[in-house]
Amino acid sequence: MTRASGGRYGAENREDMLRPSNNKLTEVLEQANKLFKDVRQAREAALDAQLLVVATDLGKEKASQMFAEGTAFDPTAFAEHLLSFMGLNRLEDEEDEQNGGTVEGYLPQDAWHRLARKAECCFRTAPSFHYMMGSFHAEPPPPKPKIARQMKATSKDAKRIMPTQLKKMDDSHQEATEKEVERILGFLKSYYQDDPTTPISYYEFVVDPNSFSRTVENIFHTSFLIRDGLARLYLDNDKLPHIAPVEEGDVEAEGSCSRKQCIVSISPKTWKELIDVFGIRDTMIQPPSSQNE
């Protein structure tokens, strides 16, 4: 039997499988369990899943049709069995009542003791006796007060030291930047005054052929000159950037005009290419150390 035939068999023979005496559903599940070990494709697994769904529905419907003792609790029948176990004898009580005797009840005096001895084996220990404290309407307990954690006391000196140190560091860096910008502006004016007719190439001015980091610093500090209007950039006929200082009288006029900004990026590879293309052999902006010497 294949998987497909098994699925069709469960759907077409539904009524036969639901009979209590029919064990065909068990046979189909056993056969499907054997075939499950040979699953190789997704289609076969899907057919097995479909057969499992059909078999589950059939099993559930078949189980609901079966009658098993104890599945339904009948309080009346349970009470009758319980009274019979406790020694109830309705005939003797009826005879006593007909003879004019006093009816004390259906149960003998040791009826409850007999039930207790029977139920005793179901419990390992007797339930403990305890009182019920409080009302039936339970209220949530009051919230516990939150204990505020004390922060570690910090001295006033420690609070003053850090801002002072940071401020000093910022001031020192700012002063160093301003001095370097002024120093580069001095180089630019010096080269321009030596030969005003010869344009100064921007790349030849900022590139240091001996140090990539110095080249990046030169580009950074030169950008302040452009921002503050102390120098200007322009393109020649070959679309190459050139730099020139701005005269002191023209700084204010340049400041009123709208300036354009751009982002300059450079990498070690580009730095080497600029050195080869422009034939840079020496730096125009001498490092501070060599200048002092």
C-alpha atoms as a PDB file:
ATOM      1  CA  MET A   1       0.000   0.000   0.000  1.00  0.00           C
ATOM      2  CA  THR A   2       1.426   3.374  -1.014  1.00  0.00           C
ATOM      3  CA  ARG A   3       1.026   6.640   0.852  1.00  0.00           C
ATOM      4  CA  ALA A   4      -1.486   8.018  -1.637  1.00  0.00           C
ATOM      5  CA  SER A   5      -3.629   4.870  -1.524  1.00  0.00           C
ATOM      6  CA  GLY A   6      -3.503   4.956   2.274  1.00  0.00           C
ATOM      7  CA  GLY A   7      -4.856   8.528   2.305  1.00  0.00           C
ATOM      8  CA  ARG A   8      -7.639   7.643  -0.173  1.00  0.00           C
ATOM      9  CA  TYR A   9      -8.460   4.495   1.809  1.00  0.00           C
ATOM     10  CA  GLY A  10      -9.020   6.515   5.002  1.00  0.00           C
ATOM     11  CA  ALA A  11     -11.315   8.965   3.215  1.00  0.00           C
ATOM     12  CA  GLU A  12     -13.383   6.413   1.223  1.00  0.00           C
ATOM     13  CA  ASN A  13     -13.862   3.791   3.963  1.00  0.00           C
ATOM     14  CA  ARG A  14     -14.652   6.178   6.802  1.00  0.00           C
ATOM     15  CA  GLU A  15     -17.838   4.402   7.921  1.00  0.00           C
ATOM     16  CA  ASP A  16     -16.188   0.970   7.982  1.00  0.00           C
ATOM     17  CA  MET A  17     -13.281   2.218  10.072  1.00  0.00           C
ATOM     18  CA  LEU A  18     -15.603   3.822  12.627  1.00  0.00           C
ATOM     19  CA  ARG A  19     -17.094   0.492  13.574  1.00  0.00           C
ATOM     20  CA  PRO A  20     -15.927  -0.734  17.011  1.00  0.00           C
ATOM     21  CA  SER A  21     -15.103  -4.220  15.666  1.00  0.00           C
ATOM     22  CA  ASN A  22     -13.047  -2.906  12.746  1.00  0.00           C
ATOM     23  CA  ASN A  23      -9.253  -2.718  13.320  1.00  0.00           C
ATOM     24  CA  LYS A  24      -8.404  -1.437   9.862  1.00  0.00           C
ATOM     25  CA  LEU A  25      -7.345   1.962  11.250  1.00  0.00           C
ATOM     26  CA  THR A  26      -4.659   0.291  13.367  1.00  0.00           C
ATOM     27  CA  GLU A  27      -3.384  -1.643  10.347  1.00  0.00           C
ATOM     28  CA  VAL A  28      -3.178   1.535   8.256  1.00  0.00           C
ATOM     29  CA  LEU A  29      -1.196   3.347  10.964  1.00  0.00           C
ATOM     30  CA  GLU A  30       1.239   0.441  11.336  1.00  0.00           C
ATOM     31  CA  GLN A  31       1.769   0.336   7.559  1.00  0.00           C
ATOM     32  CA  ALA A  32       2.277   4.135   7.463  1.00  0.00           C
ATOM     33  CA  ASN A  33       4.813   3.877  10.304  1.00  0.00           C
ATOM     34  CA  LYS A  34       6.850   1.412   8.247  1.00  0.00           C
ATOM     35  CA  LEU A  35       6.686   3.574   5.132  1.00  0.00           C
ATOM     36  CA  PHE A  36       7.761   6.639   7.105  1.00  0.00           C
ATOM     37  CA  LYS A  37      11.277   5.200   7.393  1.00  0.00           C
ATOM     38  CA  ASP A  38      11.626   5.318   3.590  1.00  0.00           C
ATOM     39  CA  VAL A  39      10.711   9.006   3.172  1.00  0.00           C
ATOM     40  CA  ARG A  40      13.029  10.625   0.643  1.00  0.00           C
ATOM     41  CA  GLN A  41      11.084  13.521  -0.917  1.00  0.00           C
ATOM     42  CA  ALA A  42       9.006  16.404   0.363  1.00  0.00           C
ATOM     43  CA  ARG A  43       5.943  15.096  -1.486  1.00  0.00           C
ATOM     44  CA  GLU A  44       6.099  11.807   0.431  1.00  0.00           C
ATOM     45  CA  ALA A  45       6.371  13.668   3.753  1.00  0.00           C
ATOM     46  CA  ALA A  46       3.324  15.780   2.813  1.00  0.00           C
ATOM     47  CA  LEU A  47       1.288  12.631   2.074  1.00  0.00           C
ATOM     48  CA  ASP A  48       2.325  11.138   5.430  1.00  0.00           C
ATOM     49  CA  ALA A  49       1.201  14.320   7.183  1.00  0.00           C
ATOM     50  CA  GLN A  50      -2.142  14.221   5.345  1.00  0.00           C
ATOM     51  CA  LEU A  51      -2.663  10.576   6.346  1.00  0.00           C
ATOM     52  CA  LEU A  52      -1.861  11.450   9.974  1.00  0.00           C
ATOM     53  CA  VAL A  53      -4.510  14.191   9.977  1.00  0.00           C
ATOM     54  CA  VAL A  54      -7.158  11.833   8.566  1.00  0.00           C
ATOM     55  CA  ALA A  55      -6.223   9.061  11.025  1.00  0.00           C
ATOM     56  CA  THR A  56      -6.395  11.497  13.948  1.00  0.00           C
ATOM     57  CA  ASP A  57      -9.903  12.617  12.995  1.00  0.00           C
ATOM     58  CA  LEU A  58     -11.037   9.018  12.593  1.00  0.00           C
ATOM     59  CA  GLY A  59      -9.536   8.010  15.933  1.00  0.00           C
ATOM     60  CA  LYS A  60     -11.176  10.912  17.742  1.00  0.00           C
ATOM     61  CA  GLU A  61     -14.590  10.183  16.211  1.00  0.00           C
ATOM     62  CA  LYS A  62     -14.259   6.480  16.929  1.00  0.00           C
ATOM     63  CA  ALA A  63     -13.304   7.136  20.541  1.00  0.00           C
ATOM     64  CA  SER A  64     -16.327   9.396  21.041  1.00  0.00           C
ATOM     65  CA  GLN A  65     -18.638   6.579  19.885  1.00  0.00           C
ATOM     66  CA  MET A  66     -17.241   4.064  22.363  1.00  0.00           C
ATOM     67  CA  PHE A  67     -18.771   3.680  25.842  1.00  0.00           C
ATOM     68  CA  ALA A  68     -16.358   3.155  28.676  1.00  0.00           C
ATOM     69  CA  GLU A  69     -17.368   2.732  32.327  1.00  0.00           C
ATOM     70  CA  GLY A  70     -16.330   5.622  34.517  1.00  0.00           C
ATOM     71  CA  THR A  71     -16.193   8.181  31.745  1.00  0.00           C
ATOM     72  CA  ALA A  72     -19.413   9.826  33.022  1.00  0.00           C
ATOM     73  CA  PHE A  73     -20.050  10.428  36.723  1.00  0.00           C
ATOM     74  CA  ASP A  74     -23.588   9.673  37.950  1.00  0.00           C
ATOM     75  CA  PRO A  75     -24.121  11.190  41.422  1.00  0.00           C
ATOM     76  CA  THR A  76     -27.260   9.103  42.080  1.00  0.00           C
ATOM     77  CA  ALA A  77     -25.585   5.797  41.260  1.00  0.00           C
ATOM     78  CA  PHE A  78     -22.544   6.776  43.334  1.00  0.00           C
ATOM     79  CA  ALA A  79     -24.746   7.570  46.322  1.00  0.00           C
ATOM     80  CA  GLU A  80     -26.526   4.213  46.021  1.00  0.00           C
ATOM     81  CA  HIS A  81     -23.215   2.307  45.932  1.00  0.00           C
ATOM     82  CA  LEU A  82     -21.904   4.338  48.863  1.00  0.00           C
ATOM     83  CA  LEU A  83     -25.007   3.643  50.998  1.00  0.00           C
ATOM     84  CA  SER A  84     -24.849  -0.053  50.201  1.00  0.00           C
ATOM     85  CA  PHE A  85     -21.178  -0.151  51.234  1.00  0.00           C
ATOM     86  CA  MET A  86     -21.974   1.654  54.500  1.00  0.00           C
ATOM     87  CA  GLY A  87     -24.532  -1.065  55.426  1.00  0.00           C
ATOM     88  CA  LEU A  88     -27.873   0.351  54.387  1.00  0.00           C
ATOM     89  CA  ASN A  89     -30.758  -2.160  54.697  1.00  0.00           C
ATOM     90  CA  ARG A  90     -34.010  -0.643  53.588  1.00  0.00           C
ATOM     91  CA  LEU A  91     -36.071  -3.810  54.206  1.00  0.00           C
ATOM     92  CA  GLU A  92     -35.259  -4.022  57.929  1.00  0.00           C
ATOM     93  CA  ASP A  93     -36.051  -0.331  58.441  1.00  0.00           C
ATOM     94  CA  GLU A  94     -39.413  -0.735  56.701  1.00  0.00           C
ATOM     95  CA  GLU A  95     -40.291  -3.737  58.899  1.00  0.00           C
ATOM     96  CA  ASP A  96     -39.380  -1.833  62.070  1.00  0.00           C
ATOM     97  CA  GLU A  97     -41.529   1.056  60.968  1.00  0.00           C
ATOM     98  CA  GLN A  98     -44.504  -1.207  60.252  1.00  0.00           C
ATOM     99  CA  ASN A  99     -44.142  -2.882  63.688  1.00  0.00           C
ATOM    100  CA  GLY A 100     -44.369   0.514  65.391  1.00  0.00           C
ATOM    101  CA  GLY A 101     -40.652   0.817  66.075  1.00  0.00           C
ATOM    102  CA  THR A 102     -38.769   4.071  66.052  1.00  0.00           C
ATOM    103  CA  VAL A 103     -36.940   4.803  62.823  1.00  0.00           C
ATOM    104  CA  GLU A 104     -33.450   6.125  63.675  1.00  0.00           C
ATOM    105  CA  GLY A 105     -32.232   6.223  60.080  1.00  0.00           C
ATOM    106  CA  TYR A 106     -31.186   3.998  57.234  1.00  0.00           C
ATOM    107  CA  LEU A 107     -27.551   3.589  58.274  1.00  0.00           C
ATOM    108  CA  PRO A 108     -26.099   1.614  61.179  1.00  0.00           C
ATOM    109  CA  GLN A 109     -24.115   3.387  63.879  1.00  0.00           C
ATOM    110  CA  ASP A 110     -20.684   2.348  62.516  1.00  0.00           C
ATOM    111  CA  ALA A 111     -21.511   3.313  58.923  1.00  0.00           C
ATOM    112  CA  TRP A 112     -19.249   6.349  58.851  1.00  0.00           C
ATOM    113  CA  HIS A 113     -16.444   4.499  60.648  1.00  0.00           C
ATOM    114  CA  ARG A 114     -16.616   1.833  57.955  1.00  0.00           C
ATOM    115  CA  LEU A 115     -16.315   4.499  55.242  1.00  0.00           C
ATOM    116  CA  ALA A 116     -13.424   6.148  57.109  1.00  0.00           C
ATOM    117  CA  ARG A 117     -11.485   2.875  57.323  1.00  0.00           C
ATOM    118  CA  LYS A 118     -11.980   2.355  53.597  1.00  0.00           C
ATOM    119  CA  ALA A 119     -10.837   5.857  52.720  1.00  0.00           C
ATOM    120  CA  GLU A 120      -7.904   5.708  55.139  1.00  0.00           C
ATOM    121  CA  CYS A 121      -5.805   3.659  52.718  1.00  0.00           C
ATOM    122  CA  CYS A 122      -6.026   6.464  50.117  1.00  0.00           C
ATOM    123  CA  PHE A 123      -4.142   8.941  52.312  1.00  0.00           C
ATOM    124  CA  ARG A 124      -0.652   8.576  53.756  1.00  0.00           C
ATOM    125  CA  THR A 125      -1.359  10.990  56.591  1.00  0.00           C
ATOM    126  CA  ALA A 126      -4.525  12.459  57.999  1.00  0.00           C
ATOM    127  CA  PRO A 127      -5.248  16.034  56.900  1.00  0.00           C
ATOM    128  CA  SER A 128      -4.125  18.512  59.530  1.00  0.00           C
ATOM    129  CA  PHE A 129      -6.735  20.557  61.355  1.00  0.00           C
ATOM    130  CA  HIS A 130      -6.298  24.292  61.032  1.00  0.00           C
ATOM    131  CA  TYR A 131      -8.293  27.464  61.485  1.00  0.00           C
ATOM    132  CA  MET A 132      -9.138  29.869  58.712  1.00  0.00           C
ATOM    133  CA  MET A 133      -7.657  33.251  59.529  1.00  0.00           C
ATOM    134  CA  GLY A 134      -8.928  36.470  58.055  1.00  0.00           C
ATOM    135  CA  SER A 135     -11.850  37.236  55.787  1.00  0.00           C
ATOM    136  CA  PHE A 136     -12.813  35.564  52.547  1.00  0.00           C
ATOM    137  CA  HIS A 137     -12.103  38.728  50.566  1.00  0.00           C
ATOM    138  CA  ALA A 138      -8.332  38.814  50.424  1.00  0.00           C
ATOM    139  CA  GLU A 139      -6.704  42.184  49.988  1.00  0.00           C
ATOM    140  CA  PRO A 140      -3.242  42.715  48.542  1.00  0.00           C
ATOM    141  CA  PRO A 141      -0.556  43.311  51.141  1.00  0.00           C
ATOM    142  CA  PRO A 142       0.562  46.896  51.605  1.00  0.00           C
ATOM    143  CA  PRO A 143       3.544  47.806  49.447  1.00  0.00           C
ATOM    144  CA  LYS A 144       6.886  47.815  51.135  1.00  0.00           C
ATOM    145  CA  PRO A 145       8.419  51.256  51.484  1.00  0.00           C
ATOM    146  CA  LYS A 146      11.266  51.820  49.076  1.00  0.00           C
ATOM    147  CA  ILE A 147      14.571  52.477  50.719  1.00  0.00           C
ATOM    148  CA  ALA A 148      16.417  55.220  48.918  1.00  0.00           C
ATOM    149  CA  ARG A 149      20.003  54.287  48.298  1.00  0.00           C
ATOM    150  CA  GLN A 150      22.491  56.828  49.426  1.00  0.00           C
ATOM    151  CA  MET A 151      24.744  58.098  46.699  1.00  0.00           C
ATOM    152  CA  LYS A 152      28.439  58.055  47.291  1.00  0.00           C
ATOM    153  CA  ALA A 153      29.544  61.407  48.570  1.00  0.00           C
ATOM    154  CA  THR A 154      31.927  63.082  46.152  1.00  0.00           C
ATOM    155  CA  SER A 155      34.214  65.839  47.240  1.00  0.00           C
ATOM    156  CA  LYS A 156      33.900  69.316  45.767  1.00  0.00           C
ATOM    157  CA  ASP A 157      37.518  69.177  44.651  1.00  0.00           C
ATOM    158  CA  ALA A 158      36.820  66.165  42.419  1.00  0.00           C
ATOM    159  CA  LYS A 159      33.898  67.989  40.805  1.00  0.00           C
ATOM    160  CA  ARG A 160      36.078  70.988  40.024  1.00  0.00           C
ATOM    161  CA  ILE A 161      39.097  69.103  38.710  1.00  0.00           C
ATOM    162  CA  MET A 162      37.574  67.356  35.676  1.00  0.00           C
ATOM    163  CA  PRO A 163      35.946  70.398  34.018  1.00  0.00           C
ATOM    164  CA  THR A 164      39.094  72.408  34.622  1.00  0.00           C
ATOM    165  CA  GLN A 165      41.268  69.744  33.014  1.00  0.00           C
ATOM    166  CA  LEU A 166      38.965  69.419  30.015  1.00  0.00           C
ATOM    167  CA  LYS A 167      38.800  73.164  29.617  1.00  0.00           C
ATOM    168  CA  LYS A 168      42.577  73.423  29.717  1.00  0.00           C
ATOM    169  CA  MET A 169      42.887  70.667  27.115  1.00  0.00           C
ATOM    170  CA  ASP A 170      40.383  72.370  24.813  1.00  0.00           C
ATOM    171  CA  ASP A 171      42.123  75.696  25.208  1.00  0.00           C
ATOM    172  CA  SER A 172      45.541  74.202  24.514  1.00  0.00           C
ATOM    173  CA  HIS A 173      44.305  72.405  21.359  1.00  0.00           C
ATOM    174  CA  GLN A 174      42.586  75.544  20.141  1.00  0.00           C
ATOM    175  CA  GLU A 175      45.687  77.635  20.697  1.00  0.00           C
ATOM    176  CA  ALA A 176      47.855  75.078  18.890  1.00  0.00           C
ATOM    177  CA  THR A 177      45.424  75.040  15.933  1.00  0.00           C
ATOM    178  CA  GLU A 178      45.346  78.820  15.703  1.00  0.00           C
ATOM    179  CA  LYS A 179      49.136  79.020  15.793  1.00  0.00           C
ATOM    180  CA  GLU A 180      49.465  76.372  13.077  1.00  0.00           C
ATOM    181  CA  VAL A 181      46.894  78.155  10.876  1.00  0.00           C
ATOM    182  CA  GLU A 182      48.785  81.435  11.256  1.00  0.00           C
ATOM    183  CA  ARG A 183      52.058  79.678  10.473  1.00  0.00           C
ATOM    184  CA  ILE A 184      50.637  78.151   7.261  1.00  0.00           C
ATOM    185  CA  LEU A 185      49.205  81.529   6.273  1.00  0.00           C
ATOM    186  CA  GLY A 186      52.703  82.970   6.653  1.00  0.00           C
ATOM    187  CA  PHE A 187      54.098  80.339   4.248  1.00  0.00           C
ATOM    188  CA  LEU A 188      51.344  81.074   1.735  1.00  0.00           C
ATOM    189  CA  LYS A 189      51.937  84.838   1.800  1.00  0.00           C
ATOM    190  CA  SER A 190      55.695  84.338   1.561  1.00  0.00           C
ATOM    191  CA  TYR A 191      55.459  82.167  -1.577  1.00  0.00           C
ATOM    192  CA  TYR A 192      52.905  84.522  -3.141  1.00  0.00           C
ATOM    193  CA  GLN A 193      55.022  87.643  -2.479  1.00  0.00           C
ATOM    194  CA  ASP A 194      58.118  85.996  -3.965  1.00  0.00           C
ATOM    195  CA  ASP A 195      56.365  85.478  -7.326  1.00  0.00           C
ATOM    196  CA  PRO A 196      52.827  86.902  -7.538  1.00  0.00           C
ATOM    197  CA  THR A 197      52.439  85.960 -11.206  1.00  0.00           C
ATOM    198  CA  THR A 198      53.022  82.240 -10.686  1.00  0.00           C
ATOM    199  CA  PRO A 199      49.933  80.412  -9.344  1.00  0.00           C
ATOM    200  CA  ILE A 200      50.449  78.165  -6.340  1.00  0.00           C
ATOM    201  CA  SER A 201      49.128  74.641  -6.868  1.00  0.00           C
ATOM    202  CA  TYR A 202      46.914  73.547  -3.983  1.00  0.00           C
ATOM    203  CA  TYR A 203      48.228  69.985  -3.979  1.00  0.00           C
ATOM    204  CA  GLU A 204      51.872  71.084  -4.175  1.00  0.00           C
ATOM    205  CA  PHE A 205      51.215  73.426  -1.250  1.00  0.00           C
ATOM    206  CA  VAL A 206      49.557  70.928   1.170  1.00  0.00           C
ATOM    207  CA  VAL A 207      51.187  67.606   0.182  1.00  0.00           C
ATOM    208  CA  ASP A 208      54.185  66.518   2.224  1.00  0.00           C
ATOM    209  CA  PRO A 209      56.013  63.800   0.218  1.00  0.00           C
ATOM    210  CA  ASN A 210      57.717  62.504   3.354  1.00  0.00           C
ATOM    211  CA  SER A 211      54.667  62.121   5.604  1.00  0.00           C
ATOM    212  CA  PHE A 212      51.050  61.192   4.881  1.00  0.00           C
ATOM    213  CA  SER A 213      49.913  62.314   8.354  1.00  0.00           C
ATOM    214  CA  ARG A 214      51.494  65.747   7.848  1.00  0.00           C
ATOM    215  CA  THR A 215      49.633  66.020   4.540  1.00  0.00           C
ATOM    216  CA  VAL A 216      46.318  65.382   6.301  1.00  0.00           C
ATOM    217  CA  GLU A 217      47.189  68.000   8.941  1.00  0.00           C
ATOM    218  CA  ASN A 218      48.091  70.540   6.264  1.00  0.00           C
ATOM    219  CA  ILE A 219      44.750  70.006   4.514  1.00  0.00           C
ATOM    220  CA  PHE A 220      42.948  70.365   7.833  1.00  0.00           C
ATOM    221  CA  HIS A 221      44.655  73.627   8.835  1.00  0.00           C
ATOM    222  CA  THR A 222      44.440  75.112   5.334  1.00  0.00           C
ATOM    223  CA  SER A 223      40.662  74.617   5.412  1.00  0.00           C
ATOM    224  CA  PHE A 224      40.493  77.202   8.221  1.00  0.00           C
ATOM    225  CA  LEU A 225      42.142  79.749   5.950  1.00  0.00           C
ATOM    226  CA  ILE A 226      39.468  79.153   3.310  1.00  0.00           C
ATOM    227  CA  ARG A 227      36.667  79.225   5.904  1.00  0.00           C
ATOM    228  CA  ASP A 228      37.803  82.515   7.443  1.00  0.00           C
ATOM    229  CA  GLY A 229      38.320  84.153   4.044  1.00  0.00           C
ATOM    230  CA  LEU A 230      42.092  84.526   4.504  1.00  0.00           C
ATOM    231  CA  ALA A 231      42.782  82.451   1.378  1.00  0.00           C
ATOM    232  CA  ARG A 232      40.851  81.485  -1.726  1.00  0.00           C
ATOM    233  CA  LEU A 233      40.751  78.505  -4.056  1.00  0.00           C
ATOM    234  CA  TYR A 234      40.193  78.726  -7.800  1.00  0.00           C
ATOM    235  CA  LEU A 235      40.513  76.438 -10.821  1.00  0.00           C
ATOM    236  CA  ASP A 236      42.810  77.079 -13.746  1.00  0.00           C
ATOM    237  CA  ASN A 237      42.173  76.223 -17.379  1.00  0.00           C
ATOM    238  CA  ASP A 238      43.009  72.574 -16.703  1.00  0.00           C
ATOM    239  CA  LYS A 239      40.454  72.449 -13.848  1.00  0.00           C
ATOM    240  CA  LEU A 240      43.222  72.045 -11.284  1.00  0.00           C
ATOM    241  CA  PRO A 241      42.846  73.780  -7.904  1.00  0.00           C
ATOM    242  CA  HIS A 242      45.147  76.654  -6.977  1.00  0.00           C
ATOM    243  CA  ILE A 243      45.416  78.659  -3.768  1.00  0.00           C
ATOM    244  CA  ALA A 244      46.222  82.307  -3.155  1.00  0.00           C
ATOM    245  CA  PRO A 245      46.131  84.579  -0.093  1.00  0.00           C
ATOM    246  CA  VAL A 246      43.481  87.281   0.205  1.00  0.00           C
ATOM    247  CA  GLU A 247      44.639  90.834   0.745  1.00  0.00           C
ATOM    248  CA  GLU A 248      43.829  92.325   4.125  1.00  0.00           C
ATOM    249  CA  GLY A 249      41.533  94.935   2.614  1.00  0.00           C
ATOM    250  CA  ASP A 250      39.591  92.284   0.694  1.00  0.00           C
ATOM    251  CA  VAL A 251      38.924  89.986   3.696  1.00  0.00           C
ATOM    252  CA  GLU A 252      35.810  91.891   4.814  1.00  0.00           C
ATOM    253  CA  ALA A 253      34.476  92.090   1.271  1.00  0.00           C
ATOM    254  CA  GLU A 254      35.021  88.367   0.798  1.00  0.00           C
ATOM    255  CA  GLY A 255      33.236  87.702   4.100  1.00  0.00           C
ATOM    256  CA  SER A 256      30.026  89.336   2.865  1.00  0.00           C
ATOM    257  CA  CYS A 257      29.933  87.065  -0.189  1.00  0.00           C
ATOM    258  CA  SER A 258      28.509  83.571  -0.024  1.00  0.00           C
ATOM    259  CA  ARG A 259      31.207  80.924   0.170  1.00  0.00           C
ATOM    260  CA  LYS A 260      30.988  77.394  -1.217  1.00  0.00           C
ATOM    261  CA  GLN A 261      32.305  74.429   0.738  1.00  0.00           C
ATOM    262  CA  CYS A 262      33.381  70.959  -0.285  1.00  0.00           C
ATOM    263  CA  ILE A 263      34.734  67.803   1.350  1.00  0.00           C
ATOM    264  CA  VAL A 264      38.299  66.773   0.524  1.00  0.00           C
ATOM    265  CA  SER A 265      39.191  63.125   0.992  1.00  0.00           C
ATOM    266  CA  ILE A 266      42.628  61.591   0.649  1.00  0.00           C
ATOM    267  CA  SER A 267      44.053  58.107   1.093  1.00  0.00           C
ATOM    268  CA  PRO A 268      47.625  56.794   1.110  1.00  0.00           C
ATOM    269  CA  LYS A 269      47.132  55.579  -2.456  1.00  0.00           C
ATOM    270  CA  THR A 270      45.911  58.999  -3.633  1.00  0.00           C
ATOM    271  CA  TRP A 271      48.726  60.664  -1.709  1.00  0.00           C
ATOM    272  CA  LYS A 272      51.353  58.621  -3.592  1.00  0.00           C
ATOM    273  CA  GLU A 273      49.647  59.304  -6.920  1.00  0.00           C
ATOM    274  CA  LEU A 274      49.692  63.077  -6.259  1.00  0.00           C
ATOM    275  CA  ILE A 275      53.404  62.930  -5.477  1.00  0.00           C
ATOM    276  CA  ASP A 276      54.145  61.128  -8.759  1.00  0.00           C
ATOM    277  CA  VAL A 277      51.819  63.215 -10.965  1.00  0.00           C
ATOM    278  CA  PHE A 278      52.938  66.639  -9.688  1.00  0.00           C
ATOM    279  CA  GLY A 279      56.546  65.554  -9.177  1.00  0.00           C
ATOM    280  CA  ILE A 280      56.635  66.771  -5.559  1.00  0.00           C
ATOM    281  CA  ARG A 281      60.085  66.312  -4.045  1.00  0.00           C
ATOM    282  CA  ASP A 282      59.974  68.691  -1.092  1.00  0.00           C
ATOM    283  CA  THR A 283      57.240  70.063   1.115  1.00  0.00           C
ATOM    284  CA  MET A 284      56.276  73.736   0.899  1.00  0.00           C
ATOM    285  CA  ILE A 285      54.974  73.764   4.506  1.00  0.00           C
ATOM    286  CA  GLN A 286      57.887  72.909   6.703  1.00  0.00           C
ATOM    287  CA  PRO A 287      57.089  70.995   9.917  1.00  0.00           C
ATOM    288  CA  PRO A 288      57.279  73.059  13.117  1.00  0.00           C
ATOM    289  CA  SER A 289      60.318  71.175  14.412  1.00  0.00           C
ATOM    290  CA  SER A 290      62.413  71.702  11.298  1.00  0.00           C
ATOM    291  CA  GLN A 291      61.362  75.358  11.135  1.00  0.00           C
ATOM    292  CA  ASN A 292      62.578  75.966  14.700  1.00  0.00           C
ATOM    293  CA  GLU A 293      65.891  74.392  13.862  1.00  0.00           C
END
